[in-house]
C-alpha atoms as a PDB file:
ATOM      1  CA  MET A   1     -50.549 -42.706 -20.278  1.00  0.00           C
ATOM      2  CA  ASP A   2     -50.913 -43.433 -24.008  1.00  0.00           C
ATOM      3  CA  THR A   3     -54.604 -44.149 -23.498  1.00  0.00           C
ATOM      4  CA  LEU A   4     -55.039 -40.859 -21.641  1.00  0.00           C
ATOM      5  CA  LEU A   5     -53.079 -38.699 -24.105  1.00  0.00           C
ATOM      6  CA  PHE A   6     -54.184 -40.259 -27.382  1.00  0.00           C
ATOM      7  CA  GLY A   7     -57.447 -41.985 -26.513  1.00  0.00           C
ATOM      8  CA  ALA A   8     -59.158 -39.494 -24.174  1.00  0.00           C
ATOM      9  CA  PHE A   9     -57.442 -36.131 -24.598  1.00  0.00           C
ATOM     10  CA  PRO A  10     -58.365 -35.769 -28.312  1.00  0.00           C
ATOM     11  CA  TYR A  11     -62.049 -35.843 -27.363  1.00  0.00           C
ATOM     12  CA  VAL A  12     -61.512 -33.251 -24.634  1.00  0.00           C
ATOM     13  CA  ALA A  13     -59.704 -31.008 -27.128  1.00  0.00           C
ATOM     14  CA  LEU A  14     -62.315 -31.432 -29.874  1.00  0.00           C
ATOM     15  CA  ALA A  15     -65.217 -30.889 -27.442  1.00  0.00           C
ATOM     16  CA  ILE A  16     -63.710 -27.664 -26.067  1.00  0.00           C
ATOM     17  CA  PHE A  17     -62.933 -26.530 -29.608  1.00  0.00           C
ATOM     18  CA  LEU A  18     -66.528 -27.114 -30.741  1.00  0.00           C
ATOM     19  CA  VAL A  19     -68.281 -25.672 -27.682  1.00  0.00           C
ATOM     20  CA  GLY A  20     -65.789 -22.819 -27.291  1.00  0.00           C
ATOM     21  CA  THR A  21     -66.001 -21.590 -30.879  1.00  0.00           C
ATOM     22  CA  ILE A  22     -69.817 -21.690 -30.847  1.00  0.00           C
ATOM     23  CA  TYR A  23     -69.938 -19.881 -27.504  1.00  0.00           C
ATOM     24  CA  ARG A  24     -67.505 -17.225 -28.692  1.00  0.00           C
ATOM     25  CA  TYR A  25     -69.530 -16.651 -31.841  1.00  0.00           C
ATOM     26  CA  ARG A  26     -72.901 -16.457 -30.082  1.00  0.00           C
ATOM     27  CA  HIS A  27     -71.807 -14.207 -27.227  1.00  0.00           C
ATOM     28  CA  GLY A  28     -70.427 -11.271 -29.136  1.00  0.00           C
ATOM     29  CA  PHE A  29     -66.731 -12.069 -29.319  1.00  0.00           C
ATOM     30  CA  LYS A  30     -65.227 -11.286 -32.700  1.00  0.00           C
ATOM     31  CA  TYR A  31     -63.804 -13.990 -34.923  1.00  0.00           C
ATOM     32  CA  SER A  32     -60.793 -11.898 -35.741  1.00  0.00           C
ATOM     33  CA  SER A  33     -57.013 -12.010 -35.627  1.00  0.00           C
ATOM     34  CA  LEU A  34     -57.133  -8.419 -34.290  1.00  0.00           C
ATOM     35  CA  SER A  35     -54.769  -7.211 -36.982  1.00  0.00           C
ATOM     36  CA  SER A  36     -51.841  -5.053 -35.894  1.00  0.00           C
ATOM     37  CA  GLN A  37     -51.083  -3.869 -39.410  1.00  0.00           C
ATOM     38  CA  LEU A  38     -51.977  -0.257 -38.605  1.00  0.00           C
ATOM     39  CA  LEU A  39     -49.459  -0.302 -35.753  1.00  0.00           C
ATOM     40  CA  GLU A  40     -46.579  -1.630 -37.866  1.00  0.00           C
ATOM     41  CA  SER A  41     -46.791  -3.024 -41.380  1.00  0.00           C
ATOM     42  CA  GLU A  42     -43.235  -2.972 -42.741  1.00  0.00           C
ATOM     43  CA  LYS A  43     -42.205  -6.294 -41.163  1.00  0.00           C
ATOM     44  CA  LEU A  44     -45.696  -7.763 -40.979  1.00  0.00           C
ATOM     45  CA  PHE A  45     -46.145  -8.450 -44.681  1.00  0.00           C
ATOM     46  CA  PRO A  46     -43.121 -10.682 -45.432  1.00  0.00           C
ATOM     47  CA  ALA A  47     -43.395 -12.533 -42.111  1.00  0.00           C
ATOM     48  CA  SER A  48     -47.151 -13.052 -42.482  1.00  0.00           C
ATOM     49  CA  VAL A  49     -46.849 -14.255 -46.087  1.00  0.00           C
ATOM     50  CA  ALA A  50     -44.104 -16.723 -45.140  1.00  0.00           C
ATOM     51  CA  PHE A  51     -46.046 -18.071 -42.149  1.00  0.00           C
ATOM     52  CA  HIS A  52     -49.412 -18.387 -43.881  1.00  0.00           C
ATOM     53  CA  SER A  53     -47.920 -19.900 -47.044  1.00  0.00           C
ATOM     54  CA  GLY A  54     -46.035 -22.484 -45.005  1.00  0.00           C
ATOM     55  CA  ILE A  55     -48.904 -23.423 -42.705  1.00  0.00           C
ATOM     56  CA  ILE A  56     -51.404 -23.752 -45.573  1.00  0.00           C
ATOM     57  CA  ILE A  57     -49.128 -26.109 -47.530  1.00  0.00           C
ATOM     58  CA  VAL A  58     -48.396 -28.195 -44.422  1.00  0.00           C
ATOM     59  CA  PHE A  59     -52.084 -28.325 -43.473  1.00  0.00           C
ATOM     60  CA  LEU A  60     -53.152 -29.389 -46.966  1.00  0.00           C
ATOM     61  CA  GLY A  61     -50.465 -32.072 -47.007  1.00  0.00           C
ATOM     62  CA  HIS A  62     -51.720 -33.515 -43.726  1.00  0.00           C
ATOM     63  CA  LEU A  63     -55.352 -33.213 -44.826  1.00  0.00           C
ATOM     64  CA  PHE A  64     -54.884 -34.981 -48.161  1.00  0.00           C
ATOM     65  CA  ALA A  65     -52.802 -37.729 -46.558  1.00  0.00           C
ATOM     66  CA  PHE A  66     -55.655 -38.268 -44.080  1.00  0.00           C
ATOM     67  CA  LEU A  67     -58.407 -38.225 -46.724  1.00  0.00           C
ATOM     68  CA  PHE A  68     -56.572 -40.326 -49.334  1.00  0.00           C
ATOM     69  CA  PRO A  69     -54.196 -42.603 -47.392  1.00  0.00           C
ATOM     70  CA  SER A  70     -54.075 -45.325 -50.053  1.00  0.00           C
ATOM     71  CA  VAL A  71     -52.890 -42.824 -52.659  1.00  0.00           C
ATOM     72  CA  PHE A  72     -50.159 -41.330 -50.495  1.00  0.00           C
ATOM     73  CA  SER A  73     -48.947 -44.691 -49.200  1.00  0.00           C
ATOM     74  CA  SER A  74     -48.366 -45.792 -52.792  1.00  0.00           C
ATOM     75  CA  PHE A  75     -45.982 -42.938 -53.565  1.00  0.00           C
ATOM     76  CA  GLY A  76     -42.344 -43.797 -53.968  1.00  0.00           C
ATOM     77  CA  GLY A  77     -39.162 -42.776 -55.710  1.00  0.00           C
ATOM     78  CA  LYS A  78     -38.923 -39.241 -57.055  1.00  0.00           C
ATOM     79  CA  THR A  79     -42.544 -38.407 -56.219  1.00  0.00           C
ATOM     80  CA  LEU A  80     -42.026 -39.200 -52.546  1.00  0.00           C
ATOM     81  CA  VAL A  81     -38.758 -37.253 -52.412  1.00  0.00           C
ATOM     82  CA  PHE A  82     -40.430 -34.275 -54.115  1.00  0.00           C
ATOM     83  CA  LEU A  83     -43.378 -34.222 -51.700  1.00  0.00           C
ATOM     84  CA  GLU A  84     -41.106 -34.635 -48.672  1.00  0.00           C
ATOM     85  CA  THR A  85     -38.936 -31.750 -49.880  1.00  0.00           C
ATOM     86  CA  ILE A  86     -41.952 -29.496 -50.412  1.00  0.00           C
ATOM     87  CA  GLY A  87     -43.185 -30.329 -46.903  1.00  0.00           C
ATOM     88  CA  ILE A  88     -39.835 -29.558 -45.275  1.00  0.00           C
ATOM     89  CA  ILE A  89     -39.495 -26.269 -47.175  1.00  0.00           C
ATOM     90  CA  ALA A  90     -43.046 -25.275 -46.212  1.00  0.00           C
ATOM     91  CA  GLY A  91     -42.375 -26.140 -42.562  1.00  0.00           C
ATOM     92  CA  MET A  92     -39.176 -24.115 -42.497  1.00  0.00           C
ATOM     93  CA  LEU A  93     -40.947 -21.224 -44.214  1.00  0.00           C
ATOM     94  CA  ALA A  94     -43.634 -21.280 -41.518  1.00  0.00           C
ATOM     95  CA  ILE A  95     -40.966 -21.376 -38.783  1.00  0.00           C
ATOM     96  CA  LEU A  96     -39.145 -18.397 -40.297  1.00  0.00           C
ATOM     97  CA  GLY A  97     -42.336 -16.368 -40.691  1.00  0.00           C
ATOM     98  CA  LEU A  98     -43.590 -17.225 -37.207  1.00  0.00           C
ATOM     99  CA  PHE A  99     -40.223 -16.363 -35.646  1.00  0.00           C
ATOM    100  CA  PHE A 100     -40.270 -12.884 -37.170  1.00  0.00           C
ATOM    101  CA  LEU A 101     -43.937 -12.414 -36.206  1.00  0.00           C
ATOM    102  CA  PHE A 102     -43.042 -13.350 -32.625  1.00  0.00           C
ATOM    103  CA  PHE A 103     -40.016 -11.028 -32.690  1.00  0.00           C
ATOM    104  CA  ARG A 104     -42.127  -8.198 -34.116  1.00  0.00           C
ATOM    105  CA  ARG A 105     -44.873  -8.666 -31.538  1.00  0.00           C
ATOM    106  CA  HIS A 106     -42.488  -8.514 -28.590  1.00  0.00           C
ATOM    107  CA  THR A 107     -40.053  -5.827 -29.738  1.00  0.00           C
ATOM    108  CA  TYR A 108     -42.413  -3.109 -30.981  1.00  0.00           C
ATOM    109  CA  THR A 109     -43.869  -1.181 -28.058  1.00  0.00           C
ATOM    110  CA  ARG A 110     -47.144  -0.313 -29.797  1.00  0.00           C
ATOM    111  CA  ILE A 111     -47.801  -3.981 -30.624  1.00  0.00           C
ATOM    112  CA  ARG A 112     -46.612  -5.288 -27.273  1.00  0.00           C
ATOM    113  CA  VAL A 113     -49.242  -3.112 -25.565  1.00  0.00           C
ATOM    114  CA  VAL A 114     -52.062  -4.964 -27.372  1.00  0.00           C
ATOM    115  CA  THR A 115     -50.489  -8.408 -26.867  1.00  0.00           C
ATOM    116  CA  ASN A 116     -51.963 -10.717 -24.249  1.00  0.00           C
ATOM    117  CA  LYS A 117     -50.560 -13.850 -22.636  1.00  0.00           C
ATOM    118  CA  MET A 118     -52.470 -16.179 -24.935  1.00  0.00           C
ATOM    119  CA  ASP A 119     -50.834 -14.568 -27.981  1.00  0.00           C
ATOM    120  CA  THR A 120     -47.435 -15.484 -26.575  1.00  0.00           C
ATOM    121  CA  VAL A 121     -48.497 -18.999 -25.555  1.00  0.00           C
ATOM    122  CA  ILE A 122     -50.060 -19.886 -28.908  1.00  0.00           C
ATOM    123  CA  GLU A 123     -47.134 -18.524 -30.913  1.00  0.00           C
ATOM    124  CA  ILE A 124     -44.629 -20.497 -28.815  1.00  0.00           C
ATOM    125  CA  LEU A 125     -46.706 -23.675 -29.204  1.00  0.00           C
ATOM    126  CA  LEU A 126     -47.001 -23.182 -32.960  1.00  0.00           C
ATOM    127  CA  LEU A 127     -43.284 -22.521 -33.274  1.00  0.00           C
ATOM    128  CA  LEU A 128     -42.477 -25.638 -31.261  1.00  0.00           C
ATOM    129  CA  GLN A 129     -44.976 -27.677 -33.285  1.00  0.00           C
ATOM    130  CA  PHE A 130     -43.415 -26.702 -36.606  1.00  0.00           C
ATOM    131  CA  ILE A 131     -39.888 -27.306 -35.314  1.00  0.00           C
ATOM    132  CA  LEU A 132     -40.942 -30.794 -34.205  1.00  0.00           C
ATOM    133  CA  GLY A 133     -42.612 -31.403 -37.560  1.00  0.00           C
ATOM    134  CA  VAL A 134     -39.510 -30.461 -39.537  1.00  0.00           C
ATOM    135  CA  ALA A 135     -37.302 -32.516 -37.176  1.00  0.00           C
ATOM    136  CA  ILE A 136     -39.554 -35.546 -37.686  1.00  0.00           C
ATOM    137  CA  ALA A 137     -39.584 -35.039 -41.460  1.00  0.00           C
ATOM    138  CA  ILE A 138     -35.785 -34.943 -41.560  1.00  0.00           C
ATOM    139  CA  GLY A 139     -35.076 -37.600 -38.899  1.00  0.00           C
ATOM    140  CA  SER A 140     -37.873 -40.026 -39.764  1.00  0.00           C
ATOM    141  CA  ARG A 141     -37.992 -39.804 -43.516  1.00  0.00           C
ATOM    142  CA  TRP A 142     -40.850 -40.774 -45.815  1.00  0.00           C
ATOM    143  CA  GLY A 143     -43.336 -39.404 -43.282  1.00  0.00           C
ATOM    144  CA  ILE A 144     -46.047 -39.156 -45.920  1.00  0.00           C
ATOM    145  CA  SER A 145     -46.075 -42.933 -46.276  1.00  0.00           C
ATOM    146  CA  TRP A 146     -46.163 -43.788 -42.587  1.00  0.00           C
ATOM    147  CA  PHE A 147     -48.592 -40.935 -41.893  1.00  0.00           C
ATOM    148  CA  ALA A 148     -50.963 -42.527 -44.374  1.00  0.00           C
ATOM    149  CA  SER A 149     -50.469 -46.025 -42.970  1.00  0.00           C
ATOM    150  CA  ASP A 150     -50.369 -45.218 -39.215  1.00  0.00           C
ATOM    151  CA  MET A 151     -51.746 -41.759 -38.472  1.00  0.00           C
ATOM    152  CA  SER A 152     -54.685 -41.804 -40.874  1.00  0.00           C
ATOM    153  CA  PRO A 153     -56.266 -44.965 -39.362  1.00  0.00           C
ATOM    154  CA  TYR A 154     -55.721 -43.518 -35.879  1.00  0.00           C
ATOM    155  CA  LEU A 155     -57.364 -40.196 -36.746  1.00  0.00           C
ATOM    156  CA  TYR A 156     -60.167 -42.025 -38.527  1.00  0.00           C
ATOM    157  CA  SER A 157     -60.777 -44.097 -35.384  1.00  0.00           C
ATOM    158  CA  ILE A 158     -60.969 -40.897 -33.318  1.00  0.00           C
ATOM    159  CA  PHE A 159     -63.552 -39.268 -35.583  1.00  0.00           C
ATOM    160  CA  THR A 160     -65.638 -42.465 -35.756  1.00  0.00           C
ATOM    161  CA  PHE A 161     -65.629 -42.731 -31.930  1.00  0.00           C
ATOM    162  CA  HIS A 162     -63.754 -46.047 -31.922  1.00  0.00           C
ATOM    163  CA  PRO A 163     -60.311 -44.885 -30.785  1.00  0.00           C
ATOM    164  CA  ASP A 164     -57.509 -47.270 -31.700  1.00  0.00           C
ATOM    165  CA  ILE A 165     -54.147 -46.103 -30.333  1.00  0.00           C
ATOM    166  CA  SER A 166     -52.186 -49.247 -31.203  1.00  0.00           C
ATOM    167  CA  ALA A 167     -50.298 -47.572 -34.061  1.00  0.00           C
ATOM    168  CA  VAL A 168     -49.602 -44.385 -32.092  1.00  0.00           C
ATOM    169  CA  ALA A 169     -48.429 -46.199 -28.971  1.00  0.00           C
ATOM    170  CA  VAL A 170     -45.337 -47.586 -30.719  1.00  0.00           C
ATOM    171  CA  LEU A 171     -44.300 -44.326 -32.382  1.00  0.00           C
ATOM    172  CA  PRO A 172     -41.203 -42.423 -31.155  1.00  0.00           C
ATOM    173  CA  ASN A 173     -41.706 -39.912 -28.341  1.00  0.00           C
ATOM    174  CA  LEU A 174     -40.922 -37.050 -30.715  1.00  0.00           C
ATOM    175  CA  VAL A 175     -43.882 -38.011 -32.891  1.00  0.00           C
ATOM    176  CA  LYS A 176     -46.109 -38.529 -29.849  1.00  0.00           C
ATOM    177  CA  THR A 177     -45.257 -35.026 -28.631  1.00  0.00           C
ATOM    178  CA  HIS A 178     -46.094 -33.658 -32.077  1.00  0.00           C
ATOM    179  CA  ILE A 179     -49.498 -35.348 -32.005  1.00  0.00           C
ATOM    180  CA  PHE A 180     -50.268 -34.176 -28.460  1.00  0.00           C
ATOM    181  CA  LEU A 181     -49.308 -30.574 -29.266  1.00  0.00           C
ATOM    182  CA  GLY A 182     -51.574 -30.703 -32.304  1.00  0.00           C
ATOM    183  CA  PHE A 183     -54.611 -31.518 -30.160  1.00  0.00           C
ATOM    184  CA  LEU A 184     -53.522 -28.996 -27.512  1.00  0.00           C
ATOM    185  CA  ILE A 185     -53.438 -26.233 -30.119  1.00  0.00           C
ATOM    186  CA  ILE A 186     -56.909 -27.278 -31.318  1.00  0.00           C
ATOM    187  CA  LEU A 187     -58.118 -26.999 -27.704  1.00  0.00           C
ATOM    188  CA  LEU A 188     -56.740 -23.444 -27.431  1.00  0.00           C
ATOM    189  CA  VAL A 189     -58.178 -22.159 -30.716  1.00  0.00           C
ATOM    190  CA  PRO A 190     -61.385 -20.679 -29.176  1.00  0.00           C
ATOM    191  CA  PHE A 191     -59.300 -18.666 -26.696  1.00  0.00           C
ATOM    192  CA  SER A 192     -56.795 -17.270 -29.178  1.00  0.00           C
ATOM    193  CA  ARG A 193     -56.461 -15.282 -32.397  1.00  0.00           C
ATOM    194  CA  LEU A 194     -56.297 -18.571 -34.318  1.00  0.00           C
ATOM    195  CA  VAL A 195     -60.090 -18.664 -34.299  1.00  0.00           C
ATOM    196  CA  HIS A 196     -60.095 -16.281 -37.271  1.00  0.00           C
ATOM    197  CA  PHE A 197     -59.256 -19.132 -39.671  1.00  0.00           C
ATOM    198  CA  LEU A 198     -62.852 -20.358 -39.239  1.00  0.00           C
ATOM    199  CA  VAL A 199     -64.126 -17.283 -41.076  1.00  0.00           C
ATOM    200  CA  ALA A 200     -61.368 -16.941 -43.675  1.00  0.00           C
ATOM    201  CA  PRO A 201     -62.791 -14.978 -46.648  1.00  0.00           C
ATOM    202  CA  PHE A 202     -62.508 -17.770 -49.197  1.00  0.00           C
ATOM    203  CA  HIS A 203     -65.707 -16.495 -50.836  1.00  0.00           C
ATOM    204  CA  TYR A 204     -63.656 -13.605 -52.218  1.00  0.00           C
ATOM    205  CA  ILE A 205     -62.216 -16.072 -54.724  1.00  0.00           C
ATOM    206  CA  THR A 206     -65.590 -16.789 -56.366  1.00  0.00           C
ATOM    207  CA  ARG A 207     -67.489 -13.533 -55.815  1.00  0.00           C
ATOM    208  CA  PRO A 208     -68.084 -11.244 -58.848  1.00  0.00           C
ATOM    209  CA  TYR A 209     -65.688  -8.423 -59.511  1.00  0.00           C
ATOM    210  CA  GLN A 210     -66.575  -5.104 -57.940  1.00  0.00           C
ATOM    211  CA  VAL A 211     -66.933  -2.543 -60.733  1.00  0.00           C
ATOM    212  CA  VAL A 212     -65.969   1.022 -59.827  1.00  0.00           C
ATOM    213  CA  ARG A 213     -66.484   3.859 -62.292  1.00  0.00           C
ATOM    214  CA  TRP A 214     -64.500   6.987 -61.616  1.00  0.00           C
ATOM    215  CA  TYR A 215     -65.869  10.238 -63.051  1.00  0.00           C
ATOM    216  CA  TRP A 216     -63.391  12.670 -61.563  1.00  0.00           C
ATOM    217  CA  ASN A 217     -60.743  14.168 -63.778  1.00  0.00           C
ATOM    218  CA  PRO A 218     -57.460  12.637 -62.500  1.00  0.00           C
ATOM    219  CA  LYS A 219     -55.459  15.670 -63.592  1.00  0.00           C
ATOM    220  CA  THR A 220     -57.790  18.066 -61.828  1.00  0.00           C
ATOM    221  CA  ILE A 221     -58.035  16.169 -58.550  1.00  0.00           C
ATOM    222  CA  ARG A 222     -54.270  15.799 -58.310  1.00  0.00           C
ATOM    223  CA  ASP A 223     -53.595  19.476 -58.910  1.00  0.00           C
ATOM    224  CA  ALA A 224     -52.621  21.050 -55.587  1.00  0.00           C
ATOM    225  CA  LYS A 225     -53.653  24.498 -56.869  1.00  0.00           C
ATOM    226  CA  THR A 226     -57.241  23.420 -57.453  1.00  0.00           C
ATOM    227  CA  SER A 227     -59.584  24.024 -54.529  1.00  0.00           C
ATOM    228  CA  TRP A 228     -61.906  21.275 -53.350  1.00  0.00           C
ATOM    229  CA  SER A 229     -64.962  23.410 -54.045  1.00  0.00           C
ATOM    230  CA  ASP A 230     -64.193  23.354 -57.770  1.00  0.00           C
ATOM    231  CA  ILE A 231     -64.273  19.565 -57.937  1.00  0.00           C
ATOM    232  CA  LYS A 232     -67.574  17.915 -58.697  1.00  0.00           C
ATOM    233  CA  ARG A 233     -68.793  15.111 -56.496  1.00  0.00           C
ATOM    234  CA  PRO A 234     -68.294  11.646 -58.008  1.00  0.00           C
ATOM    235  CA  THR A 235     -71.196   9.770 -59.483  1.00  0.00           C
ATOM    236  CA  ASN A 236     -71.012   6.062 -58.729  1.00  0.00           C
ATOM    237  CA  ASN A 237     -73.066   3.556 -60.746  1.00  0.00           C
END
């Protein structure tokens, strides 16, 4: 069973992810989260900020531990406690944000109308995944160290097509479930709103500022007694 779940299933998940995202892109499906902000925005903002902030911090923590295992395995003392605390807080923040997003999606009629079954499935899986992650971080402390020493070599063996599940096979069932759910979520990305992270607008950070010159008289345009015909058209340069 370990060989099937952690030796074969990761390749099935990654293959479906790769083929599915390319197919979706080439056959006219939009890489979008299909925002529901116009339907209800009051509760969307705080929940979305909490969820995205939490998931980004958790993702970066896992990514850096995978890319630089020797650095993370050397951490100890206050540094390790600090990083573990940040990870737990980020995980709980993501859980809180995702819970309110789920509640919002299923309690507002206008949003529930545009919600499909996959939205519900992926949100439940993500919520369960973060709950497991926080439980592991609290119950099996110093996860950064053993992630770097056990999980990183396993993931490296997967991506180099020489799967070695020896380290994963002896992990607790809670951790095994966490790993399996991670690959399951990757498999479902092409069929869900999660696909929008592939086209996140990170280029906005480095693009030049957009300069807008406004030639209307603010006092005139805001005067309710002034007719529109008396206002000159703006000249944009």
